Protein backbone atom coordinates (compact mmCIF):
# COMPACT_ATOMS: atom_id res chain seq x y z
CA UNK A 1 -8.30 -2.69 -2.79
CA UNK A 2 -9.87 -4.18 -5.92
CA UNK A 3 -12.82 -6.06 -3.68
CA UNK A 4 -15.51 -6.10 -6.70
CA UNK A 5 -12.86 -7.48 -8.92
CA UNK A 6 -11.67 -9.93 -6.37
CA UNK A 7 -14.97 -11.34 -5.72
CA UNK A 8 -15.96 -11.61 -9.20
CA UNK A 9 -12.79 -13.57 -10.32
CA UNK A 10 -12.85 -15.67 -7.31
CA UNK A 11 -16.52 -16.82 -8.23
CA UNK A 12 -15.87 -17.34 -11.91
CA UNK A 13 -12.82 -19.14 -11.07
CA UNK A 14 -14.68 -21.42 -8.44
CA UNK A 15 -17.16 -22.71 -11.35
CA UNK A 16 -14.22 -25.03 -12.22
CA UNK A 17 -14.44 -26.72 -8.75
CA UNK A 18 -15.73 -30.52 -9.05
CA UNK A 19 -14.25 -31.20 -12.37
CA UNK A 20 -11.47 -33.64 -13.09
CA UNK A 21 -10.21 -32.26 -16.09
CA UNK A 22 -10.15 -28.80 -17.78
CA UNK A 23 -11.36 -28.98 -21.48
CA UNK A 24 -12.80 -26.47 -23.82
CA UNK A 25 -16.46 -26.28 -22.35
CA UNK A 26 -15.66 -25.25 -18.98
CA UNK A 27 -12.67 -23.25 -19.75
CA UNK A 28 -14.93 -21.10 -21.82
CA UNK A 29 -17.59 -20.45 -19.43
CA UNK A 30 -14.86 -19.90 -16.74
CA UNK A 31 -13.17 -17.09 -18.87
CA UNK A 32 -16.69 -15.59 -20.06
CA UNK A 33 -17.08 -14.50 -16.24
CA UNK A 34 -13.53 -13.78 -16.12
CA UNK A 35 -13.66 -11.06 -19.04
CA UNK A 36 -16.98 -10.01 -17.91
CA UNK A 37 -15.26 -9.43 -14.39
CA UNK A 38 -12.01 -7.49 -16.14
CA UNK A 39 -14.47 -5.22 -18.35
CA UNK A 40 -16.52 -4.61 -14.94
CA UNK A 41 -13.45 -3.28 -13.56
CA UNK A 42 -13.15 -0.77 -16.55
CA UNK A 43 -10.39 -2.88 -18.06
CA UNK A 44 -10.12 -1.84 -21.78
CA UNK A 45 -12.04 -4.30 -23.92
CA UNK A 46 -9.23 -5.49 -26.45
CA UNK A 47 -6.76 -6.17 -23.46
CA UNK A 48 -9.31 -8.09 -21.56
CA UNK A 49 -9.87 -10.34 -24.48
CA UNK A 50 -6.44 -10.57 -25.24
CA UNK A 51 -5.87 -11.64 -21.68
CA UNK A 52 -8.66 -14.33 -21.51
CA UNK A 53 -7.36 -15.63 -25.12
CA UNK A 54 -4.01 -16.09 -23.49
CA UNK A 55 -5.21 -17.59 -20.53
CA UNK A 56 -7.19 -20.19 -22.57
CA UNK A 57 -4.39 -21.02 -25.00
CA UNK A 58 -2.38 -21.70 -21.79
CA UNK A 59 -5.30 -23.71 -20.21
CA UNK A 60 -6.33 -26.10 -23.06
CA UNK A 61 -4.79 -29.42 -23.05
CA UNK A 62 -3.08 -29.32 -19.57
CA UNK A 63 -3.45 -32.10 -17.63
CA UNK A 64 -4.14 -31.73 -14.10
CA UNK A 65 -1.82 -32.91 -11.68
CA UNK A 66 -2.31 -34.85 -8.73
CA UNK A 67 -1.83 -32.15 -6.64
CA UNK A 68 -3.87 -30.00 -8.30
CA UNK A 69 -7.47 -29.65 -9.14
CA UNK A 70 -8.73 -27.80 -12.32
CA UNK A 71 -9.64 -24.57 -10.15
CA UNK A 72 -6.32 -24.20 -8.60
CA UNK A 73 -4.36 -24.96 -11.93
CA UNK A 74 -6.64 -22.18 -13.64
CA UNK A 75 -5.85 -19.67 -10.78
CA UNK A 76 -2.26 -20.31 -11.17
CA UNK A 77 -2.54 -19.27 -14.85
CA UNK A 78 -4.75 -16.52 -14.27
CA UNK A 79 -2.08 -15.23 -11.58
CA UNK A 80 0.68 -15.58 -13.80
CA UNK A 81 -1.18 -13.64 -16.46
CA UNK A 82 -2.34 -10.88 -14.27
CA UNK A 83 1.28 -10.32 -13.08
CA UNK A 84 2.62 -10.07 -16.77
CA UNK A 85 -0.52 -7.64 -17.61
CA UNK A 86 0.65 -5.53 -14.75
CA UNK A 87 4.37 -5.25 -15.63
CA UNK A 88 5.98 -8.83 -14.79
CA UNK A 89 8.90 -7.60 -12.78
CA UNK A 90 9.22 -4.94 -10.26
CA UNK A 91 10.79 -1.66 -11.35
CA UNK A 92 12.70 0.40 -8.82
CA UNK A 93 13.44 4.34 -9.01
CA UNK A 94 16.43 5.64 -10.65
CA UNK A 95 18.32 7.49 -7.89
CA UNK A 96 21.45 8.40 -10.21
CA UNK A 97 22.69 11.65 -10.96
CA UNK A 98 23.93 14.50 -8.61
CA UNK A 99 21.52 15.42 -7.41
CA UNK A 100 18.84 12.84 -8.64
CA UNK A 101 16.03 14.96 -10.30
CA UNK A 102 12.35 13.48 -10.20
CA UNK A 103 9.90 15.18 -12.44
CA UNK A 104 6.25 14.82 -10.91
CA UNK A 105 3.59 15.11 -13.92
CA UNK A 106 -0.31 14.56 -14.01
CA UNK A 107 -3.64 16.12 -13.81
CA UNK A 108 -5.05 18.30 -11.23
CA UNK A 109 -6.76 16.36 -8.49
CA UNK A 110 -4.81 12.95 -8.89
CA UNK A 111 -3.03 13.36 -5.69
CA UNK A 112 0.60 14.76 -7.38
CA UNK A 113 1.16 17.33 -4.80
CA UNK A 114 0.46 14.51 -1.78
CA UNK A 115 2.42 11.81 -3.47
CA UNK A 116 5.60 14.13 -3.88
CA UNK A 117 5.71 14.75 -0.24
CA UNK A 118 5.29 10.94 0.39
CA UNK A 119 8.09 9.86 -2.00
CA UNK A 120 10.35 12.59 -0.12
CA UNK A 121 9.43 10.83 3.03
CA UNK A 122 10.34 7.27 1.47
CA UNK A 123 13.42 8.24 0.36
CA UNK A 124 14.28 10.32 3.25
CA UNK A 125 13.56 7.53 5.71
CA UNK A 126 14.07 4.25 3.52
CA UNK A 127 16.96 5.54 1.57
CA UNK A 128 18.14 8.00 3.82
CA UNK A 129 18.48 10.67 0.96
CA UNK A 130 18.70 14.79 1.37
CA UNK A 131 15.61 15.72 -0.39
CA UNK A 132 14.39 19.11 -1.65
CA UNK A 133 10.75 19.65 -2.74
CA UNK A 134 10.31 22.04 -5.53
CA UNK A 135 6.79 23.67 -5.72
CA UNK A 136 6.39 24.73 -9.54
CA UNK A 137 2.70 24.84 -9.88
CA UNK A 138 2.46 28.77 -10.33
CA UNK A 139 -1.37 28.67 -11.22
CA UNK A 140 -3.14 27.11 -8.11
CA UNK A 141 -3.13 29.42 -5.37
CA UNK A 142 -3.01 27.11 -2.59
CA UNK A 143 -0.54 24.50 -4.29
CA UNK A 144 2.69 25.89 -3.15
CA UNK A 145 1.33 26.57 0.41
CA UNK A 146 0.10 22.75 0.35
CA UNK A 147 3.57 21.52 -0.53
CA UNK A 148 4.99 23.79 2.26
CA UNK A 149 2.83 21.97 5.02
CA UNK A 150 3.53 18.65 3.37
CA UNK A 151 7.28 19.72 3.80
CA UNK A 152 7.05 20.76 7.16
CA UNK A 153 5.13 17.91 8.25
CA UNK A 154 7.96 15.15 7.14
CA UNK A 155 10.62 17.73 7.69
CA UNK A 156 11.79 18.21 4.20
CA UNK A 157 12.91 21.72 2.87
CA UNK A 158 10.43 23.20 0.19
CA UNK A 159 12.19 25.52 -2.51
CA UNK A 160 9.68 28.17 -3.78
CA UNK A 161 9.99 31.58 -5.45
CA UNK A 162 7.09 33.97 -4.40
CA UNK A 163 5.83 35.93 -7.33
CA UNK A 164 7.97 33.90 -10.02
CA UNK A 165 5.51 32.65 -13.03
CA UNK A 166 8.45 30.96 -14.81
CA UNK A 167 8.33 27.23 -13.54
CA UNK A 168 11.47 26.44 -15.93
CA UNK A 169 13.40 29.06 -14.24
CA UNK A 170 12.25 27.99 -10.61
CA UNK A 171 13.30 24.35 -11.53
CA UNK A 172 16.55 25.40 -12.62
CA UNK A 173 17.15 27.44 -9.59
CA UNK A 174 16.09 24.65 -7.19
CA UNK A 175 18.59 22.38 -8.76
CA UNK A 176 21.62 25.14 -8.23
CA UNK A 177 20.07 25.59 -4.62
CA UNK A 178 20.01 21.52 -3.86
CA UNK A 179 23.85 21.43 -5.21
CA UNK A 180 24.91 24.54 -3.24
CA UNK A 181 22.92 22.79 0.08
CA UNK A 182 24.12 18.97 -0.22
CA UNK A 183 20.50 18.17 -1.29
CA UNK A 184 20.97 14.87 -3.41
CA UNK A 185 17.51 14.38 -4.69
CA UNK A 186 15.13 16.91 -5.96
CA UNK A 187 11.63 16.37 -6.60
CA UNK A 188 9.64 18.79 -8.55
CA UNK A 189 5.78 19.29 -8.25
CA UNK A 190 4.55 20.82 -11.51
CA UNK A 191 0.65 22.19 -12.33
CA UNK A 192 -1.94 20.07 -13.38
CA UNK A 193 -5.08 20.87 -15.33
CA UNK A 194 -8.83 19.42 -15.07
CA UNK A 195 -7.93 17.85 -18.61
CA UNK A 196 -5.17 17.59 -21.07
CA UNK A 197 -4.42 20.70 -23.10
CA UNK A 198 -1.84 22.25 -25.34
CA UNK A 199 -0.52 25.01 -22.51
CA UNK A 200 0.20 22.52 -19.83
CA UNK A 201 1.57 19.65 -22.13
CA UNK A 202 4.12 22.63 -23.66
CA UNK A 203 4.88 23.67 -20.01
CA UNK A 204 5.84 20.39 -18.66
CA UNK A 205 7.76 19.55 -21.68
CA UNK A 206 9.74 22.59 -21.58
CA UNK A 207 10.51 22.08 -18.02
CA UNK A 208 11.43 18.46 -18.70
CA UNK A 209 13.69 19.56 -21.53
CA UNK A 210 15.61 22.18 -19.23
CA UNK A 211 16.49 19.78 -16.69
CA UNK A 212 16.82 16.39 -17.94
CA UNK A 213 15.44 14.90 -14.79
CA UNK A 214 16.37 11.20 -14.13
CA UNK A 215 12.84 9.84 -13.32
CA UNK A 216 9.78 11.37 -14.89
CA UNK A 217 6.82 10.10 -12.99
CA UNK A 218 3.29 10.26 -14.30
CA UNK A 219 0.83 10.31 -11.34
CA UNK A 220 -2.67 9.07 -11.85
CA UNK A 221 -5.88 8.65 -9.90
CA UNK A 222 -6.83 4.67 -10.01
CA UNK A 223 -10.32 5.57 -9.44
CA UNK A 224 -10.68 7.02 -12.42
CA UNK A 225 -10.30 3.96 -14.50
CA UNK A 226 -9.87 3.92 -18.39
CA UNK A 227 -9.74 7.56 -18.21
CA UNK A 228 -6.64 7.61 -16.39
CA UNK A 229 -5.15 5.05 -19.05
CA UNK A 230 -6.21 7.42 -22.06
CA UNK A 231 -4.63 10.30 -19.90
CA UNK A 232 -1.52 8.52 -19.62
CA UNK A 233 -1.07 7.85 -23.10
CA UNK A 234 -1.35 11.72 -23.77
CA UNK A 235 1.35 12.38 -21.43
CA UNK A 236 3.75 9.68 -22.58
CA UNK A 237 3.30 10.66 -25.81
CA UNK A 238 4.79 14.16 -24.91
CA UNK A 239 7.12 13.09 -22.10
CA UNK A 240 8.01 9.59 -22.66
CA UNK A 241 8.17 9.31 -18.89
CA UNK A 242 9.90 6.35 -17.04
CA UNK A 243 6.92 5.11 -14.53
CA UNK A 244 3.41 5.37 -13.56
CA UNK A 245 2.34 6.04 -10.04
CA UNK A 246 -1.26 4.73 -8.64
CA UNK A 247 -2.79 6.98 -6.18
CA UNK A 248 -6.08 6.34 -3.80
CA UNK A 249 -6.02 2.53 -4.21
CA UNK A 250 -7.44 2.61 -0.71
CA UNK A 251 -10.45 4.12 -2.16
CA UNK A 252 -13.32 2.59 -4.23
CA UNK A 253 -10.92 1.86 -6.92
CA UNK A 254 -12.16 -1.11 -9.50
CA UNK A 255 -8.80 -1.79 -10.86
CA UNK A 256 -9.12 -0.80 -14.54
CA UNK A 257 -6.13 1.63 -14.44
CA UNK A 258 -3.51 -0.97 -12.78
CA UNK A 259 -4.29 -3.81 -14.95
CA UNK A 260 -4.44 -1.71 -18.54
CA UNK A 261 -1.89 0.62 -18.23
CA UNK A 262 1.17 -1.26 -18.63
CA UNK A 263 -0.28 -2.70 -22.00
CA UNK A 264 -1.34 0.77 -23.19
CA UNK A 265 1.57 3.00 -22.56
CA UNK A 266 4.46 0.08 -22.00
CA UNK A 267 5.96 1.74 -18.93
CA UNK A 268 6.16 0.45 -15.37
CA UNK A 269 3.96 0.76 -12.36
CA UNK A 270 6.50 2.07 -9.83
CA UNK A 271 4.69 3.12 -7.03
CA UNK A 272 1.41 2.87 -5.28
CA UNK A 273 -0.26 5.11 -2.76
CA UNK A 274 -2.81 3.43 -0.27
CA UNK A 275 -4.01 6.49 1.99
CA UNK A 276 -3.68 9.87 3.16
CA UNK A 277 -0.79 9.53 5.58
CA UNK A 278 2.85 10.47 4.56
CA UNK A 279 3.92 6.98 4.94
CA UNK A 280 1.15 5.27 2.71
CA UNK A 281 3.30 4.42 0.02
CA UNK A 282 4.26 1.19 -1.40
CA UNK A 283 6.93 -0.26 -4.28
CA UNK A 284 4.75 -1.87 -6.82
CA UNK A 285 5.04 -5.38 -6.91
CA UNK A 286 3.00 -7.03 -9.83
CA UNK A 287 3.10 -10.70 -8.64
CA UNK A 288 2.18 -9.44 -4.97
CA UNK A 289 -0.85 -7.42 -6.33
CA UNK A 290 -1.70 -10.29 -8.16
CA UNK A 291 -1.90 -12.61 -5.66
CA UNK A 292 -3.87 -9.84 -3.56
CA UNK A 293 -6.60 -9.58 -6.37
CA UNK A 294 -6.91 -13.26 -6.40
CA UNK A 295 -7.24 -13.27 -2.34
CA UNK A 296 -4.25 -14.87 -1.75
CA UNK A 297 -3.20 -11.96 0.49
CA UNK A 298 0.58 -10.55 0.39
CA UNK A 299 2.45 -12.07 3.37
CA UNK A 300 6.08 -11.24 2.08
CA UNK A 301 4.85 -7.22 2.21
CA UNK A 302 3.11 -7.90 5.68
CA UNK A 303 6.75 -9.38 6.68
CA UNK A 304 8.63 -6.27 5.20
CA UNK A 305 6.41 -3.71 7.22
CA UNK A 306 6.60 -5.65 10.47
CA UNK A 307 10.39 -5.93 9.99
CA UNK A 308 10.85 -2.20 9.74
CA UNK A 309 9.16 -1.71 12.78
CA UNK A 310 11.22 -4.39 14.39
CA UNK A 311 13.88 -3.22 16.97
CA UNK A 312 16.20 -6.09 18.43
CA UNK A 313 17.33 -3.78 21.39
CA UNK A 314 13.56 -3.32 22.08
CA UNK A 315 13.05 -7.22 21.45
CA UNK A 316 15.45 -8.30 24.02
CA UNK A 317 14.31 -6.19 26.73
CA UNK A 318 10.53 -7.44 26.18
CA UNK A 319 11.86 -11.05 26.00
CA UNK A 320 13.43 -10.60 29.39
CA UNK A 321 10.31 -8.90 30.85
CA UNK A 322 8.07 -11.91 29.73
CA UNK A 323 10.78 -14.27 31.22
CA UNK A 324 10.20 -12.58 34.49
CA UNK A 325 6.49 -12.22 34.40
CA UNK A 326 7.35 -8.34 34.20
CA UNK A 327 5.00 -8.03 30.91
CA UNK A 328 2.99 -4.84 31.86
CA UNK A 329 0.39 -2.94 30.07
CA UNK A 330 3.16 -0.40 28.84
CA UNK A 331 4.62 -3.09 27.20
CA UNK A 332 0.91 -4.22 25.71
CA UNK A 333 0.59 -0.16 24.51
CA UNK A 334 3.95 -0.36 22.63
CA UNK A 335 3.21 -3.45 20.40
CA UNK A 336 -0.17 -1.64 19.67
CA UNK A 337 1.74 1.56 18.47
CA UNK A 338 4.04 -0.64 16.18
CA UNK A 339 1.11 -2.27 14.62
CA UNK A 340 -0.24 1.03 14.05
CA UNK A 341 3.11 2.17 12.27
CA UNK A 342 2.89 -0.55 10.01
CA UNK A 343 -0.33 1.07 8.13
CA UNK A 344 -4.01 1.02 8.03
CA UNK A 345 -5.80 -2.14 9.45
CA UNK A 346 -7.85 -2.44 6.28
CA UNK A 347 -4.64 -2.66 4.31
CA UNK A 348 -2.97 -4.97 6.74
CA UNK A 349 -5.89 -7.51 6.88
CA UNK A 350 -5.83 -7.52 3.08
CA UNK A 351 -2.30 -8.88 3.09
CA UNK A 352 -3.22 -11.75 5.15
CA UNK A 353 -4.22 -14.83 2.69
CA UNK A 354 -7.74 -15.63 2.78
CA UNK A 355 -8.89 -12.48 5.50
CA UNK A 356 -9.78 -10.18 2.81
CA UNK A 357 -12.43 -12.59 1.58
CA UNK A 358 -13.67 -13.50 5.05
CA UNK A 359 -14.13 -10.17 6.05
CA UNK A 360 -15.17 -8.43 3.16
CA UNK A 361 -18.81 -7.36 4.81
CA UNK A 362 -16.52 -6.07 8.03
CA UNK A 363 -16.08 -2.61 8.57
CA UNK A 364 -12.46 -2.46 9.62
CA UNK A 365 -11.46 0.88 11.61
CA UNK A 366 -8.16 2.12 11.79
CA UNK A 367 -9.19 3.44 15.27
CA UNK A 368 -10.02 -0.19 16.62
CA UNK A 369 -7.42 -0.05 19.33
CA UNK A 370 -8.79 3.58 20.63
CA UNK A 371 -11.00 1.88 23.12
CA UNK A 372 -7.86 -0.34 24.07
CA UNK A 373 -5.53 2.86 24.35
CA UNK A 374 -7.91 4.51 26.23
CA UNK A 375 -8.82 1.92 29.06
CA UNK A 376 -4.62 1.46 29.19
CA UNK A 377 -4.17 5.26 29.46
CA UNK A 378 -6.79 5.38 32.64
CA UNK A 379 -4.67 3.73 34.48
CA UNK A 380 -1.69 4.66 36.96
CA UNK A 381 1.68 3.73 36.14
CA UNK A 382 1.49 1.17 39.12
CA UNK A 383 -1.57 -0.60 37.41
CA UNK A 384 0.00 -0.62 33.98
CA UNK A 385 3.43 -2.37 35.47
CA UNK A 386 1.62 -4.48 37.74
CA UNK A 387 -1.56 -5.75 36.22
CA UNK A 388 -2.26 -8.15 39.03
CA UNK A 389 -3.42 -5.05 41.19
CA UNK A 390 -6.13 -4.15 39.32
CA UNK A 391 -9.55 -4.88 41.42
CA UNK A 392 -12.92 -4.32 41.17
CA UNK A 393 -12.74 -0.82 42.42
CA UNK A 394 -10.12 -0.02 40.30
CA UNK A 395 -11.83 -1.47 37.36
CA UNK A 396 -14.51 1.29 38.10
CA UNK A 397 -12.68 4.04 38.23
CA UNK A 398 -10.18 3.01 35.14
CA UNK A 399 -13.82 2.49 33.04
CA UNK A 400 -15.06 5.82 34.10
CA UNK A 401 -11.76 7.79 33.27
CA UNK A 402 -11.73 5.72 29.77
CA UNK A 403 -15.78 6.08 28.78
CA UNK A 404 -15.64 2.53 28.68
CA UNK A 405 -17.52 -0.32 31.03
CA UNK A 406 -15.95 -2.25 33.60
CA UNK A 407 -17.32 -5.30 31.28
CA UNK A 408 -14.93 -3.83 28.68
CA UNK A 409 -12.14 -3.51 30.92
CA UNK A 410 -12.54 -7.02 32.21
CA UNK A 411 -12.19 -8.15 28.67
CA UNK A 412 -9.11 -6.55 28.26
CA UNK A 413 -7.64 -7.51 31.19
CA UNK A 414 -8.74 -11.53 30.11
CA UNK A 415 -7.34 -10.77 26.92
CA UNK A 416 -4.01 -9.47 28.03
CA UNK A 417 -3.65 -12.33 30.45
CA UNK A 418 -4.17 -15.07 27.74
CA UNK A 419 -1.67 -13.05 25.59
CA UNK A 420 0.86 -12.78 28.70
CA UNK A 421 0.69 -16.71 28.87
CA UNK A 422 0.75 -17.45 25.42
CA UNK A 423 4.01 -15.19 25.34
CA UNK A 424 5.46 -16.96 28.37
CA UNK A 425 4.96 -20.30 26.90
CA UNK A 426 6.74 -19.09 23.49
CA UNK A 427 9.91 -18.46 25.38
CA UNK A 428 12.60 -21.53 25.91
CA UNK A 429 11.41 -24.60 25.10
CA UNK A 430 7.87 -23.41 25.30
CA UNK A 431 7.12 -23.65 22.11
CA UNK A 432 7.70 -27.21 21.55
CA UNK A 433 4.83 -27.39 24.89
CA UNK A 434 2.47 -25.19 23.13
CA UNK A 435 2.64 -27.73 19.73
CA UNK A 436 2.16 -30.45 21.92
CA UNK A 437 -1.13 -28.92 23.45
CA UNK A 438 -2.09 -28.01 19.89
CA UNK A 439 -1.79 -31.69 18.84
CA UNK A 440 -3.70 -32.87 21.86
CA UNK A 441 -6.72 -30.38 20.73
CA UNK A 442 -6.89 -32.32 17.49
């Protein structure tokens, strides 16, 4: 996510290192590189220039505090301005109305249908809403079928009217159906085109007037950069939408759309899509995104994801097993499954401060746990619950069954043993002993 922009901004801000005071010369040099980084990210020239001018005004004349150096001070100023550029505050979705009606808009190929499913899943699981998806793309042959597949995948009903070519009528009938069947959120997936045209804008405007939605969201492919911003302006002129959704942020995006769109249409980015899976959706937090762009990670979001997977009852059971030396490979496997539910490995690593920069050239595969899982699945129930019984002959059998080598099995056994000891150490007063050990290693 924004790797190229992050790298260039880091290089630009690094140039202040070693200076004792910020002055006009070193600020100008740094901001020249910052502006170049923004332009390379496909940020509008006027916005990039205005951004660097604002940063310069705030940086000039500021004395460096004793606890800061010029580079750190400049990073703080740039971070604050990036946050403001992307909207400043987090803006939630309006769930008023009975039912809440959400109208999705955007060009064909922006990921609108997939995101409609992601949003339905988000509202169903995170907000405990009864959601109805509505197929109003009556032109693209596979559109309604795609929405039905998505609906089946997440367990959400899809309303469609085969043979009806009137999207206004379909959307009105869908709202009636939702009221009659206890649905409190209706998400309407509309038709898109390959480019903005009068026919499409008239149609979606007619739907908007007929149903008066609580939320109108514009879905944009973040990989299209400045074109996405221009398209957003065209849609906003007609619909006056409430917020923006940026999709495909896990791809090779330069960041121009995320950084420019708020300034151009004065509408907040509300959600981002970060992958193909139905749970790859995040509420957009401008301050957290600014941190990630500047390589500071996003610990808050990482903790939130971990908390979502945290089961207090399971945690207590695990604690008892650890205390009794009964922690086995089934428990280890369960921990892996919880980590996988938190999202893609690349995304999770990007949330750890400094890790994104350190591992920028490392290909982090979402199947990183596959080999470990294969080894564990090749064990018998007894071997999983009592790892100590795994001898040389058992290791050979496990290696053969999992398509790995005995060396890889040995490596996993060693890692498991180290992890078990560490978890045991953290029980009770063990945390203090561990701290003492760490101090002694200095």
